[in-house]
Amino acid sequence: MKIFFLGDIVGRSARQFVNKNLEGILKEKKIDFVIVNGENAADQGVGITEEISNELFNSGVDVITTGNHI
């Protein structure tokens, strides 16, 4: 099993990169499971919303970790 872990996704531009590129990376590298740290994924770079969580899950993320910004 191949697991892909991405550190902090910070702000809108990082989310856009994940949304645009994750599917291709998963196929190319034959990745089975994706974990991202999403605690800084909000537009301001601090926190995460339900909408952003759903966006990440829909892009291929399996688990979102958090930390002190939640």
PDB file of N, CA and C in Angstrom:
ATOM      1  N   MET A   1       0.849  -1.174   0.000  1.00  0.00           N
ATOM      2  CA  MET A   1       0.000   0.000   0.000  1.00  0.00           C
ATOM      3  C   MET A   1       0.897   1.240   0.000  1.00  0.00           C
ATOM      4  N   LYS A   2       0.579   2.177  -0.891  1.00  0.00           N
ATOM      5  CA  LYS A   2       1.309   3.446  -0.949  1.00  0.00           C
ATOM      6  C   LYS A   2       0.478   4.527  -0.291  1.00  0.00           C
ATOM      7  N   ILE A   3       1.091   5.216   0.674  1.00  0.00           N
ATOM      8  CA  ILE A   3       0.441   6.303   1.398  1.00  0.00           C
ATOM      9  C   ILE A   3       1.144   7.601   1.046  1.00  0.00           C
ATOM     10  N   PHE A   4       0.363   8.621   0.745  1.00  0.00           N
ATOM     11  CA  PHE A   4       0.876   9.941   0.393  1.00  0.00           C
ATOM     12  C   PHE A   4       0.462  10.901   1.501  1.00  0.00           C
ATOM     13  N   PHE A   5       1.446  11.538   2.158  1.00  0.00           N
ATOM     14  CA  PHE A   5       1.158  12.502   3.211  1.00  0.00           C
ATOM     15  C   PHE A   5       1.633  13.877   2.781  1.00  0.00           C
ATOM     16  N   LEU A   6       0.728  14.830   2.790  1.00  0.00           N
ATOM     17  CA  LEU A   6       1.067  16.216   2.495  1.00  0.00           C
ATOM     18  C   LEU A   6       1.042  17.015   3.792  1.00  0.00           C
ATOM     19  N   GLY A   7       2.084  17.783   4.038  1.00  0.00           N
ATOM     20  CA  GLY A   7       2.108  18.676   5.191  1.00  0.00           C
ATOM     21  C   GLY A   7       1.094  19.784   5.011  1.00  0.00           C
ATOM     22  N   ASP A   8       1.260  20.842   5.756  1.00  0.00           N
ATOM     23  CA  ASP A   8       0.281  21.927   5.760  1.00  0.00           C
ATOM     24  C   ASP A   8      -0.148  22.373   4.370  1.00  0.00           C
ATOM     25  N   ILE A   9      -1.452  22.360   4.163  1.00  0.00           N
ATOM     26  CA  ILE A   9      -2.056  23.006   3.009  1.00  0.00           C
ATOM     27  C   ILE A   9      -2.437  24.391   3.515  1.00  0.00           C
ATOM     28  N   VAL A  10      -1.758  25.424   3.031  1.00  0.00           N
ATOM     29  CA  VAL A  10      -1.932  26.770   3.566  1.00  0.00           C
ATOM     30  C   VAL A  10      -2.636  27.667   2.551  1.00  0.00           C
ATOM     31  N   GLY A  11      -3.874  28.017   2.852  1.00  0.00           N
ATOM     32  CA  GLY A  11      -4.607  28.980   2.055  1.00  0.00           C
ATOM     33  C   GLY A  11      -5.178  28.450   0.750  1.00  0.00           C
ATOM     34  N   ARG A  12      -5.812  29.372   0.045  1.00  0.00           N
ATOM     35  CA  ARG A  12      -6.534  29.058  -1.187  1.00  0.00           C
ATOM     36  C   ARG A  12      -5.621  28.513  -2.289  1.00  0.00           C
ATOM     37  N   SER A  13      -4.457  29.109  -2.476  1.00  0.00           N
ATOM     38  CA  SER A  13      -3.587  28.676  -3.578  1.00  0.00           C
ATOM     39  C   SER A  13      -3.126  27.233  -3.395  1.00  0.00           C
ATOM     40  N   ALA A  14      -2.855  26.837  -2.179  1.00  0.00           N
ATOM     41  CA  ALA A  14      -2.461  25.444  -1.930  1.00  0.00           C
ATOM     42  C   ALA A  14      -3.627  24.499  -2.185  1.00  0.00           C
ATOM     43  N   ARG A  15      -4.830  24.897  -1.770  1.00  0.00           N
ATOM     44  CA  ARG A  15      -6.013  24.073  -2.050  1.00  0.00           C
ATOM     45  C   ARG A  15      -6.235  23.936  -3.543  1.00  0.00           C
ATOM     46  N   GLN A  16      -6.071  25.023  -4.274  1.00  0.00           N
ATOM     47  CA  GLN A  16      -6.244  24.968  -5.725  1.00  0.00           C
ATOM     48  C   GLN A  16      -5.227  24.020  -6.351  1.00  0.00           C
ATOM     49  N   PHE A  17      -3.999  24.033  -5.857  1.00  0.00           N
ATOM     50  CA  PHE A  17      -2.982  23.118  -6.371  1.00  0.00           C
ATOM     51  C   PHE A  17      -3.395  21.667  -6.126  1.00  0.00           C
ATOM     52  N   VAL A  18      -3.860  21.381  -4.916  1.00  0.00           N
ATOM     53  CA  VAL A  18      -4.297  20.013  -4.585  1.00  0.00           C
ATOM     54  C   VAL A  18      -5.462  19.615  -5.488  1.00  0.00           C
ATOM     55  N   ASN A  19      -6.454  20.482  -5.613  1.00  0.00           N
ATOM     56  CA  ASN A  19      -7.625  20.171  -6.438  1.00  0.00           C
ATOM     57  C   ASN A  19      -7.246  19.912  -7.892  1.00  0.00           C
ATOM     58  N   LYS A  20      -6.302  20.658  -8.390  1.00  0.00           N
ATOM     59  CA  LYS A  20      -5.909  20.548  -9.793  1.00  0.00           C
ATOM     60  C   LYS A  20      -4.985  19.358 -10.062  1.00  0.00           C
ATOM     61  N   ASN A  21      -4.128  19.011  -9.115  1.00  0.00           N
ATOM     62  CA  ASN A  21      -3.052  18.066  -9.391  1.00  0.00           C
ATOM     63  C   ASN A  21      -3.109  16.725  -8.678  1.00  0.00           C
ATOM     64  N   LEU A  22      -3.886  16.617  -7.613  1.00  0.00           N
ATOM     65  CA  LEU A  22      -3.842  15.392  -6.814  1.00  0.00           C
ATOM     66  C   LEU A  22      -4.237  14.155  -7.610  1.00  0.00           C
ATOM     67  N   GLU A  23      -5.282  14.235  -8.373  1.00  0.00           N
ATOM     68  CA  GLU A  23      -5.744  13.064  -9.131  1.00  0.00           C
ATOM     69  C   GLU A  23      -4.644  12.515 -10.035  1.00  0.00           C
ATOM     70  N   GLY A  24      -3.966  13.388 -10.737  1.00  0.00           N
ATOM     71  CA  GLY A  24      -2.883  12.954 -11.617  1.00  0.00           C
ATOM     72  C   GLY A  24      -1.723  12.337 -10.857  1.00  0.00           C
ATOM     73  N   ILE A  25      -1.382  12.919  -9.722  1.00  0.00           N
ATOM     74  CA  ILE A  25      -0.301  12.385  -8.891  1.00  0.00           C
ATOM     75  C   ILE A  25      -0.658  10.988  -8.394  1.00  0.00           C
ATOM     76  N   LEU A  26      -1.900  10.818  -7.950  1.00  0.00           N
ATOM     77  CA  LEU A  26      -2.341   9.519  -7.444  1.00  0.00           C
ATOM     78  C   LEU A  26      -2.253   8.444  -8.514  1.00  0.00           C
ATOM     79  N   LYS A  27      -2.680   8.782  -9.709  1.00  0.00           N
ATOM     80  CA  LYS A  27      -2.621   7.819 -10.811  1.00  0.00           C
ATOM     81  C   LYS A  27      -1.188   7.523 -11.214  1.00  0.00           C
ATOM     82  N   GLU A  28      -0.394   8.561 -11.378  1.00  0.00           N
ATOM     83  CA  GLU A  28       0.993   8.392 -11.826  1.00  0.00           C
ATOM     84  C   GLU A  28       1.813   7.569 -10.837  1.00  0.00           C
ATOM     85  N   LYS A  29       1.650   7.842  -9.557  1.00  0.00           N
ATOM     86  CA  LYS A  29       2.445   7.172  -8.522  1.00  0.00           C
ATOM     87  C   LYS A  29       1.759   5.945  -7.939  1.00  0.00           C
ATOM     88  N   LYS A  30       0.540   5.665  -8.393  1.00  0.00           N
ATOM     89  CA  LYS A  30      -0.247   4.528  -7.910  1.00  0.00           C
ATOM     90  C   LYS A  30      -0.407   4.552  -6.394  1.00  0.00           C
ATOM     91  N   ILE A  31      -0.851   5.699  -5.906  1.00  0.00           N
ATOM     92  CA  ILE A  31      -1.027   5.920  -4.476  1.00  0.00           C
ATOM     93  C   ILE A  31      -2.405   5.424  -4.052  1.00  0.00           C
ATOM     94  N   ASP A  32      -2.435   4.755  -2.890  1.00  0.00           N
ATOM     95  CA  ASP A  32      -3.664   4.142  -2.397  1.00  0.00           C
ATOM     96  C   ASP A  32      -4.402   4.974  -1.354  1.00  0.00           C
ATOM     97  N   PHE A  33      -3.683   5.810  -0.621  1.00  0.00           N
ATOM     98  CA  PHE A  33      -4.277   6.492   0.528  1.00  0.00           C
ATOM     99  C   PHE A  33      -3.611   7.847   0.700  1.00  0.00           C
ATOM    100  N   VAL A  34      -4.420   8.888   0.952  1.00  0.00           N
ATOM    101  CA  VAL A  34      -3.895  10.263   1.040  1.00  0.00           C
ATOM    102  C   VAL A  34      -4.266  10.893   2.384  1.00  0.00           C
ATOM    103  N   ILE A  35      -3.247  11.431   3.052  1.00  0.00           N
ATOM    104  CA  ILE A  35      -3.419  12.154   4.303  1.00  0.00           C
ATOM    105  C   ILE A  35      -2.876  13.558   4.085  1.00  0.00           C
ATOM    106  N   VAL A  36      -3.632  14.568   4.510  1.00  0.00           N
ATOM    107  CA  VAL A  36      -3.141  15.949   4.430  1.00  0.00           C
ATOM    108  C   VAL A  36      -3.348  16.625   5.779  1.00  0.00           C
ATOM    109  N   ASN A  37      -2.514  17.608   6.072  1.00  0.00           N
ATOM    110  CA  ASN A  37      -2.746  18.455   7.224  1.00  0.00           C
ATOM    111  C   ASN A  37      -3.520  19.663   6.724  1.00  0.00           C
ATOM    112  N   GLY A  38      -4.734  19.828   7.218  1.00  0.00           N
ATOM    113  CA  GLY A  38      -5.615  20.866   6.703  1.00  0.00           C
ATOM    114  C   GLY A  38      -5.895  22.001   7.652  1.00  0.00           C
ATOM    115  N   GLU A  39      -5.176  22.076   8.767  1.00  0.00           N
ATOM    116  CA  GLU A  39      -5.513  23.079   9.774  1.00  0.00           C
ATOM    117  C   GLU A  39      -5.285  24.516   9.317  1.00  0.00           C
ATOM    118  N   ASN A  40      -4.548  24.701   8.230  1.00  0.00           N
ATOM    119  CA  ASN A  40      -4.284  26.050   7.718  1.00  0.00           C
ATOM    120  C   ASN A  40      -4.885  26.267   6.329  1.00  0.00           C
ATOM    121  N   ALA A  41      -5.871  25.467   5.965  1.00  0.00           N
ATOM    122  CA  ALA A  41      -6.395  25.476   4.602  1.00  0.00           C
ATOM    123  C   ALA A  41      -7.370  26.608   4.303  1.00  0.00           C
ATOM    124  N   ALA A  42      -7.863  27.290   5.323  1.00  0.00           N
ATOM    125  CA  ALA A  42      -8.796  28.395   5.090  1.00  0.00           C
ATOM    126  C   ALA A  42      -8.098  29.508   4.310  1.00  0.00           C
ATOM    127  N   ASP A  43      -8.893  30.343   3.676  1.00  0.00           N
ATOM    128  CA  ASP A  43      -8.347  31.419   2.838  1.00  0.00           C
ATOM    129  C   ASP A  43      -7.338  32.282   3.589  1.00  0.00           C
ATOM    130  N   GLN A  44      -7.565  32.508   4.873  1.00  0.00           N
ATOM    131  CA  GLN A  44      -6.668  33.345   5.668  1.00  0.00           C
ATOM    132  C   GLN A  44      -5.407  32.594   6.088  1.00  0.00           C
ATOM    133  N   GLY A  45      -5.351  31.286   5.830  1.00  0.00           N
ATOM    134  CA  GLY A  45      -4.188  30.483   6.205  1.00  0.00           C
ATOM    135  C   GLY A  45      -4.250  29.951   7.615  1.00  0.00           C
ATOM    136  N   VAL A  46      -5.386  30.104   8.282  1.00  0.00           N
ATOM    137  CA  VAL A  46      -5.556  29.583   9.634  1.00  0.00           C
ATOM    138  C   VAL A  46      -6.947  28.985   9.750  1.00  0.00           C
ATOM    139  N   GLY A  47      -7.027  27.720  10.096  1.00  0.00           N
ATOM    140  CA  GLY A  47      -8.304  27.048  10.283  1.00  0.00           C
ATOM    141  C   GLY A  47      -8.772  26.321   9.023  1.00  0.00           C
ATOM    142  N   ILE A  48      -9.919  25.683   9.154  1.00  0.00           N
ATOM    143  CA  ILE A  48     -10.523  24.932   8.054  1.00  0.00           C
ATOM    144  C   ILE A  48     -12.036  24.950   8.260  1.00  0.00           C
ATOM    145  N   THR A  49     -12.774  24.908   7.175  1.00  0.00           N
ATOM    146  CA  THR A  49     -14.235  24.891   7.250  1.00  0.00           C
ATOM    147  C   THR A  49     -14.755  23.550   6.744  1.00  0.00           C
ATOM    148  N   GLU A  50     -16.029  23.302   6.983  1.00  0.00           N
ATOM    149  CA  GLU A  50     -16.654  22.089   6.472  1.00  0.00           C
ATOM    150  C   GLU A  50     -16.601  22.077   4.939  1.00  0.00           C
ATOM    151  N   GLU A  51     -16.851  23.224   4.335  1.00  0.00           N
ATOM    152  CA  GLU A  51     -16.815  23.326   2.874  1.00  0.00           C
ATOM    153  C   GLU A  51     -15.427  22.961   2.330  1.00  0.00           C
ATOM    154  N   ILE A  52     -14.386  23.476   2.962  1.00  0.00           N
ATOM    155  CA  ILE A  52     -13.017  23.176   2.515  1.00  0.00           C
ATOM    156  C   ILE A  52     -12.701  21.698   2.741  1.00  0.00           C
ATOM    157  N   SER A  53     -13.154  21.153   3.858  1.00  0.00           N
ATOM    158  CA  SER A  53     -12.948  19.720   4.116  1.00  0.00           C
ATOM    159  C   SER A  53     -13.577  18.883   3.007  1.00  0.00           C
ATOM    160  N   ASN A  54     -14.813  19.211   2.660  1.00  0.00           N
ATOM    161  CA  ASN A  54     -15.495  18.476   1.586  1.00  0.00           C
ATOM    162  C   ASN A  54     -14.770  18.631   0.255  1.00  0.00           C
ATOM    163  N   GLU A  55     -14.271  19.824  -0.013  1.00  0.00           N
ATOM    164  CA  GLU A  55     -13.510  20.080  -1.240  1.00  0.00           C
ATOM    165  C   GLU A  55     -12.278  19.172  -1.298  1.00  0.00           C
ATOM    166  N   LEU A  56     -11.565  19.065  -0.191  1.00  0.00           N
ATOM    167  CA  LEU A  56     -10.368  18.218  -0.151  1.00  0.00           C
ATOM    168  C   LEU A  56     -10.732  16.734  -0.304  1.00  0.00           C
ATOM    169  N   PHE A  57     -11.786  16.310   0.402  1.00  0.00           N
ATOM    170  CA  PHE A  57     -12.224  14.913   0.258  1.00  0.00           C
ATOM    171  C   PHE A  57     -12.622  14.614  -1.184  1.00  0.00           C
ATOM    172  N   ASN A  58     -13.307  15.535  -1.826  1.00  0.00           N
ATOM    173  CA  ASN A  58     -13.729  15.335  -3.216  1.00  0.00           C
ATOM    174  C   ASN A  58     -12.553  15.315  -4.190  1.00  0.00           C
ATOM    175  N   SER A  59     -11.445  15.901  -3.807  1.00  0.00           N
ATOM    176  CA  SER A  59     -10.272  15.905  -4.684  1.00  0.00           C
ATOM    177  C   SER A  59      -9.445  14.631  -4.554  1.00  0.00           C
ATOM    178  N   GLY A  60      -9.787  13.768  -3.578  1.00  0.00           N
ATOM    179  CA  GLY A  60      -9.077  12.505  -3.432  1.00  0.00           C
ATOM    180  C   GLY A  60      -8.409  12.297  -2.085  1.00  0.00           C
ATOM    181  N   VAL A  61      -8.542  13.250  -1.182  1.00  0.00           N
ATOM    182  CA  VAL A  61      -7.971  13.123   0.156  1.00  0.00           C
ATOM    183  C   VAL A  61      -8.819  12.145   0.966  1.00  0.00           C
ATOM    184  N   ASP A  62      -8.149  11.264   1.724  1.00  0.00           N
ATOM    185  CA  ASP A  62      -8.858  10.293   2.560  1.00  0.00           C
ATOM    186  C   ASP A  62      -8.973  10.737   4.013  1.00  0.00           C
ATOM    187  N   VAL A  63      -7.926  11.396   4.531  1.00  0.00           N
ATOM    188  CA  VAL A  63      -7.908  11.821   5.931  1.00  0.00           C
ATOM    189  C   VAL A  63      -7.320  13.220   6.009  1.00  0.00           C
ATOM    190  N   ILE A  64      -7.931  14.069   6.852  1.00  0.00           N
ATOM    191  CA  ILE A  64      -7.410  15.409   7.104  1.00  0.00           C
ATOM    192  C   ILE A  64      -7.003  15.468   8.573  1.00  0.00           C
ATOM    193  N   THR A  65      -5.737  15.784   8.822  1.00  0.00           N
ATOM    194  CA  THR A  65      -5.269  15.971  10.188  1.00  0.00           C
ATOM    195  C   THR A  65      -5.359  17.448  10.545  1.00  0.00           C
ATOM    196  N   THR A  66      -5.324  17.721  11.846  1.00  0.00           N
ATOM    197  CA  THR A  66      -5.393  19.100  12.316  1.00  0.00           C
ATOM    198  C   THR A  66      -4.374  19.310  13.422  1.00  0.00           C
ATOM    199  N   GLY A  67      -4.427  20.487  14.006  1.00  0.00           N
ATOM    200  CA  GLY A  67      -3.517  20.813  15.091  1.00  0.00           C
ATOM    201  C   GLY A  67      -4.054  21.957  15.910  1.00  0.00           C
ATOM    202  N   ASN A  68      -3.168  22.849  16.326  1.00  0.00           N
ATOM    203  CA  ASN A  68      -3.544  23.896  17.267  1.00  0.00           C
ATOM    204  C   ASN A  68      -4.393  25.017  16.668  1.00  0.00           C
ATOM    205  N   HIS A  69      -4.626  25.040  15.360  1.00  0.00           N
ATOM    206  CA  HIS A  69      -5.443  26.081  14.752  1.00  0.00           C
ATOM    207  C   HIS A  69      -6.915  25.688  14.632  1.00  0.00           C
ATOM    208  N   ILE A  70      -7.271  24.581  15.181  1.00  0.00           N
ATOM    209  CA  ILE A  70      -8.660  24.111  15.097  1.00  0.00           C
ATOM    210  C   ILE A  70      -9.372  24.424  16.396  1.00  0.00           C
TER     211      ILE A  70
END
